[in-house]
N, C-alpha and C. Protein backbone atom coordinates (compact mmCIF):
# COMPACT_ATOMS: atom_id res chain seq x y z
N LEU A 1 12.15 -9.21 2.15
CA LEU A 1 11.82 -8.81 0.81
C LEU A 1 12.88 -7.86 0.29
N ARG A 2 13.19 -7.97 -0.97
CA ARG A 2 14.17 -7.07 -1.57
C ARG A 2 13.52 -5.71 -1.78
N ARG A 3 14.20 -4.67 -1.43
CA ARG A 3 13.66 -3.32 -1.56
C ARG A 3 13.75 -2.80 -3.00
N ASP A 4 14.61 -3.40 -3.85
CA ASP A 4 14.77 -2.94 -5.22
C ASP A 4 13.86 -3.71 -6.19
N ALA A 5 13.05 -4.60 -5.70
CA ALA A 5 12.17 -5.41 -6.55
C ALA A 5 10.89 -4.65 -6.87
N ALA A 6 10.05 -5.25 -7.69
CA ALA A 6 8.75 -4.68 -8.02
C ALA A 6 7.93 -4.52 -6.74
N PRO A 7 6.95 -3.62 -6.75
CA PRO A 7 6.13 -3.45 -5.55
C PRO A 7 5.51 -4.78 -5.14
N PRO A 8 5.43 -5.04 -3.83
CA PRO A 8 4.89 -6.32 -3.38
C PRO A 8 3.38 -6.40 -3.57
N ALA A 9 2.90 -7.61 -3.62
CA ALA A 9 1.46 -7.85 -3.60
C ALA A 9 1.00 -7.63 -2.17
N LYS A 10 -0.15 -6.99 -1.97
CA LYS A 10 -0.62 -6.67 -0.62
C LYS A 10 -1.99 -7.27 -0.39
N SER A 11 -2.23 -7.66 0.86
CA SER A 11 -3.47 -8.32 1.21
C SER A 11 -4.58 -7.36 1.57
N GLY A 12 -4.29 -6.10 1.80
CA GLY A 12 -5.29 -5.23 2.41
C GLY A 12 -5.32 -5.57 3.88
N SER A 13 -6.47 -5.58 4.50
CA SER A 13 -6.55 -5.91 5.91
C SER A 13 -7.76 -6.79 6.18
N PRO A 14 -7.72 -8.07 5.75
CA PRO A 14 -8.84 -8.95 6.04
C PRO A 14 -9.03 -9.09 7.55
N ARG A 15 -10.27 -9.24 7.97
CA ARG A 15 -10.55 -9.35 9.40
C ARG A 15 -11.13 -10.72 9.70
N ARG A 16 -10.90 -11.16 10.91
CA ARG A 16 -11.43 -12.45 11.35
C ARG A 16 -11.87 -12.29 12.79
N GLY A 17 -13.14 -12.55 13.08
CA GLY A 17 -13.63 -12.48 14.45
C GLY A 17 -12.90 -13.50 15.32
N CYS A 18 -12.51 -13.10 16.50
CA CYS A 18 -11.73 -14.02 17.33
C CYS A 18 -11.81 -13.62 18.78
N GLY A 19 -12.01 -14.59 19.66
CA GLY A 19 -12.02 -14.31 21.08
C GLY A 19 -10.83 -14.87 21.81
N VAL A 20 -10.02 -15.69 21.16
CA VAL A 20 -8.90 -16.36 21.84
C VAL A 20 -7.60 -16.03 21.10
N THR A 21 -7.15 -14.80 21.23
CA THR A 21 -6.01 -14.31 20.47
C THR A 21 -4.74 -15.10 20.73
N GLN A 22 -4.43 -15.40 21.97
CA GLN A 22 -3.16 -16.07 22.28
C GLN A 22 -3.07 -17.46 21.66
N SER A 23 -4.17 -18.21 21.64
CA SER A 23 -4.13 -19.54 21.03
C SER A 23 -3.96 -19.43 19.52
N VAL A 24 -4.55 -18.40 18.92
CA VAL A 24 -4.39 -18.16 17.48
C VAL A 24 -2.94 -17.84 17.18
N PHE A 25 -2.35 -16.91 17.93
CA PHE A 25 -0.94 -16.53 17.73
C PHE A 25 -0.04 -17.74 17.90
N ALA A 26 -0.29 -18.55 18.91
CA ALA A 26 0.56 -19.72 19.17
C ALA A 26 0.50 -20.71 18.02
N ALA A 27 -0.70 -20.97 17.51
CA ALA A 27 -0.85 -21.92 16.40
C ALA A 27 -0.15 -21.42 15.14
N ILE A 28 -0.30 -20.15 14.84
CA ILE A 28 0.33 -19.60 13.63
C ILE A 28 1.84 -19.52 13.80
N GLU A 29 2.30 -19.09 14.95
CA GLU A 29 3.74 -19.03 15.19
C GLU A 29 4.38 -20.41 15.09
N GLN A 30 3.75 -21.42 15.64
CA GLN A 30 4.28 -22.78 15.57
C GLN A 30 4.37 -23.25 14.12
N THR A 31 3.37 -22.92 13.31
CA THR A 31 3.36 -23.32 11.91
C THR A 31 4.49 -22.69 11.12
N TYR A 32 4.78 -21.42 11.38
CA TYR A 32 5.78 -20.68 10.60
C TYR A 32 7.17 -20.65 11.24
N ARG A 33 7.33 -21.23 12.40
CA ARG A 33 8.60 -21.11 13.14
C ARG A 33 9.83 -21.52 12.31
N ARG A 34 9.78 -22.63 11.60
CA ARG A 34 10.95 -23.09 10.84
C ARG A 34 11.30 -22.16 9.68
N ALA A 35 10.29 -21.66 8.99
CA ALA A 35 10.51 -20.83 7.80
C ALA A 35 10.82 -19.37 8.14
N ALA A 36 10.49 -18.96 9.36
CA ALA A 36 10.61 -17.55 9.73
C ALA A 36 12.06 -17.09 9.86
N LYS A 37 12.32 -15.93 9.26
CA LYS A 37 13.60 -15.27 9.48
C LYS A 37 13.54 -14.46 10.76
N THR A 38 12.40 -13.81 11.00
CA THR A 38 12.18 -13.08 12.24
C THR A 38 10.75 -13.28 12.71
N ILE A 39 10.58 -13.27 14.03
CA ILE A 39 9.26 -13.32 14.66
C ILE A 39 9.26 -12.24 15.72
N SER A 40 8.23 -11.40 15.71
CA SER A 40 8.12 -10.31 16.68
C SER A 40 6.72 -10.31 17.29
N HIS A 41 6.67 -9.96 18.58
CA HIS A 41 5.39 -9.82 19.28
C HIS A 41 5.15 -8.37 19.67
N ALA A 42 5.88 -7.44 19.06
CA ALA A 42 5.79 -6.03 19.44
C ALA A 42 4.40 -5.45 19.18
N ASP A 43 3.76 -5.81 18.08
CA ASP A 43 2.42 -5.31 17.74
C ASP A 43 1.61 -6.48 17.22
N GLY A 44 1.17 -7.34 18.10
CA GLY A 44 0.49 -8.56 17.69
C GLY A 44 1.55 -9.61 17.36
N LEU A 45 1.46 -10.21 16.20
CA LEU A 45 2.42 -11.22 15.76
C LEU A 45 2.88 -10.85 14.36
N THR A 46 4.17 -10.59 14.20
CA THR A 46 4.74 -10.28 12.89
C THR A 46 5.76 -11.35 12.56
N ILE A 47 5.63 -11.94 11.37
CA ILE A 47 6.55 -12.99 10.93
C ILE A 47 7.05 -12.62 9.55
N GLU A 48 8.38 -12.65 9.38
CA GLU A 48 8.99 -12.40 8.07
C GLU A 48 9.64 -13.70 7.61
N CYS A 49 9.31 -14.10 6.37
CA CYS A 49 9.79 -15.37 5.83
C CYS A 49 10.49 -15.22 4.49
N GLY A 50 11.18 -14.14 4.25
CA GLY A 50 11.92 -13.97 3.00
C GLY A 50 11.08 -13.42 1.88
N SER A 51 10.26 -14.25 1.24
CA SER A 51 9.47 -13.79 0.10
C SER A 51 8.13 -13.19 0.51
N PHE A 52 7.82 -13.23 1.81
CA PHE A 52 6.59 -12.60 2.31
C PHE A 52 6.74 -12.30 3.80
N TRP A 53 5.88 -11.41 4.28
CA TRP A 53 5.79 -11.15 5.71
C TRP A 53 4.32 -10.87 6.02
N PHE A 54 3.97 -11.02 7.30
CA PHE A 54 2.61 -10.67 7.71
C PHE A 54 2.59 -10.22 9.16
N ASN A 55 1.56 -9.45 9.47
CA ASN A 55 1.29 -9.02 10.83
C ASN A 55 -0.15 -9.38 11.13
N LEU A 56 -0.36 -10.03 12.25
CA LEU A 56 -1.69 -10.41 12.72
C LEU A 56 -1.85 -9.77 14.09
N ARG A 57 -2.88 -8.97 14.25
CA ARG A 57 -3.05 -8.29 15.53
C ARG A 57 -4.53 -8.09 15.83
N PRO A 58 -4.86 -7.96 17.11
CA PRO A 58 -6.24 -7.67 17.45
C PRO A 58 -6.59 -6.24 17.03
N SER A 59 -7.82 -6.06 16.59
CA SER A 59 -8.31 -4.71 16.31
C SER A 59 -8.37 -3.94 17.63
N GLY A 60 -8.13 -2.66 17.58
CA GLY A 60 -8.22 -1.85 18.79
C GLY A 60 -9.65 -1.51 19.17
N THR A 61 -10.59 -1.66 18.24
CA THR A 61 -11.96 -1.22 18.49
C THR A 61 -13.02 -2.31 18.33
N GLU A 62 -12.65 -3.45 17.72
CA GLU A 62 -13.62 -4.52 17.49
C GLU A 62 -13.01 -5.85 17.90
N SER A 63 -13.83 -6.88 18.02
CA SER A 63 -13.31 -8.20 18.40
C SER A 63 -12.91 -8.97 17.13
N PHE A 64 -11.97 -8.41 16.40
CA PHE A 64 -11.45 -9.01 15.18
C PHE A 64 -9.94 -9.09 15.25
N LEU A 65 -9.40 -10.02 14.48
CA LEU A 65 -7.97 -10.01 14.20
C LEU A 65 -7.79 -9.35 12.84
N ARG A 66 -6.81 -8.50 12.74
CA ARG A 66 -6.49 -7.85 11.46
C ARG A 66 -5.21 -8.47 10.92
N LEU A 67 -5.25 -8.83 9.66
CA LEU A 67 -4.11 -9.45 9.00
C LEU A 67 -3.62 -8.52 7.89
N THR A 68 -2.34 -8.17 7.93
CA THR A 68 -1.71 -7.42 6.85
C THR A 68 -0.57 -8.29 6.34
N MET A 69 -0.52 -8.46 5.02
CA MET A 69 0.50 -9.32 4.44
C MET A 69 1.01 -8.70 3.15
N GLU A 70 2.31 -8.82 2.93
CA GLU A 70 2.93 -8.45 1.66
C GLU A 70 3.77 -9.62 1.19
N ALA A 71 3.79 -9.81 -0.13
CA ALA A 71 4.58 -10.89 -0.72
C ALA A 71 5.22 -10.39 -2.01
N GLU A 72 6.28 -11.05 -2.43
CA GLU A 72 6.96 -10.65 -3.65
C GLU A 72 6.09 -10.83 -4.88
N THR A 73 5.20 -11.82 -4.86
CA THR A 73 4.33 -12.07 -6.01
C THR A 73 2.91 -12.36 -5.53
N ALA A 74 1.96 -12.16 -6.43
CA ALA A 74 0.56 -12.46 -6.11
C ALA A 74 0.32 -13.94 -5.80
N PRO A 75 0.95 -14.90 -6.52
CA PRO A 75 0.74 -16.30 -6.17
C PRO A 75 1.22 -16.64 -4.75
N ILE A 76 2.35 -16.06 -4.34
CA ILE A 76 2.82 -16.30 -2.96
C ILE A 76 1.82 -15.73 -1.97
N LEU A 77 1.32 -14.54 -2.25
CA LEU A 77 0.33 -13.90 -1.37
C LEU A 77 -0.91 -14.78 -1.24
N ARG A 78 -1.45 -15.25 -2.37
CA ARG A 78 -2.65 -16.10 -2.32
C ARG A 78 -2.41 -17.38 -1.54
N ARG A 79 -1.25 -18.01 -1.78
CA ARG A 79 -0.93 -19.26 -1.08
C ARG A 79 -0.88 -19.04 0.43
N GLU A 80 -0.21 -17.99 0.87
CA GLU A 80 -0.05 -17.78 2.31
C GLU A 80 -1.33 -17.28 2.97
N LEU A 81 -2.12 -16.48 2.27
CA LEU A 81 -3.42 -16.09 2.81
C LEU A 81 -4.30 -17.31 3.01
N ARG A 82 -4.30 -18.20 2.02
CA ARG A 82 -5.08 -19.44 2.13
C ARG A 82 -4.61 -20.26 3.33
N ARG A 83 -3.31 -20.35 3.49
CA ARG A 83 -2.74 -21.13 4.60
C ARG A 83 -3.16 -20.56 5.96
N ILE A 84 -3.11 -19.24 6.10
CA ILE A 84 -3.50 -18.63 7.37
C ILE A 84 -5.00 -18.78 7.62
N ARG A 85 -5.81 -18.64 6.58
CA ARG A 85 -7.25 -18.84 6.76
C ARG A 85 -7.55 -20.25 7.25
N ILE A 86 -6.88 -21.24 6.69
CA ILE A 86 -7.07 -22.62 7.14
C ILE A 86 -6.66 -22.77 8.60
N LEU A 87 -5.54 -22.18 8.97
CA LEU A 87 -5.08 -22.23 10.37
C LEU A 87 -6.10 -21.58 11.30
N LEU A 88 -6.63 -20.43 10.90
CA LEU A 88 -7.60 -19.73 11.75
C LEU A 88 -8.87 -20.55 11.95
N ARG A 89 -9.30 -21.24 10.92
CA ARG A 89 -10.50 -22.09 11.05
C ARG A 89 -10.27 -23.24 12.02
N GLY A 90 -9.03 -23.71 12.12
CA GLY A 90 -8.73 -24.88 12.94
C GLY A 90 -8.44 -24.59 14.40
N VAL A 91 -8.33 -23.31 14.78
CA VAL A 91 -8.01 -22.97 16.18
C VAL A 91 -9.28 -23.04 17.01
N PRO A 92 -9.28 -23.83 18.09
CA PRO A 92 -10.46 -23.90 18.95
C PRO A 92 -10.73 -22.57 19.64
N ARG A 93 -11.99 -22.28 19.85
CA ARG A 93 -12.38 -21.02 20.51
C ARG A 93 -12.91 -21.27 21.88
């Protein structure tokens, strides 16, 4: 993301109950691998794709995944949040 641009659209921190974190991370990483500029596993899964980035990590206190996302525009944010929600629904538990 450009640092001189307008403030990014932010997702807040939607939560998703999950018991199989590694399979979730693998499915999402595989989906974004081609578009990703960087992928990090330092704190969950962080993927940067130019016009947006996100971090998906297990909650430290609950059995949830926490998703934080920023995008250059609100439409990009909505599109990528929708995409991740669809991916999360499709991961077997």
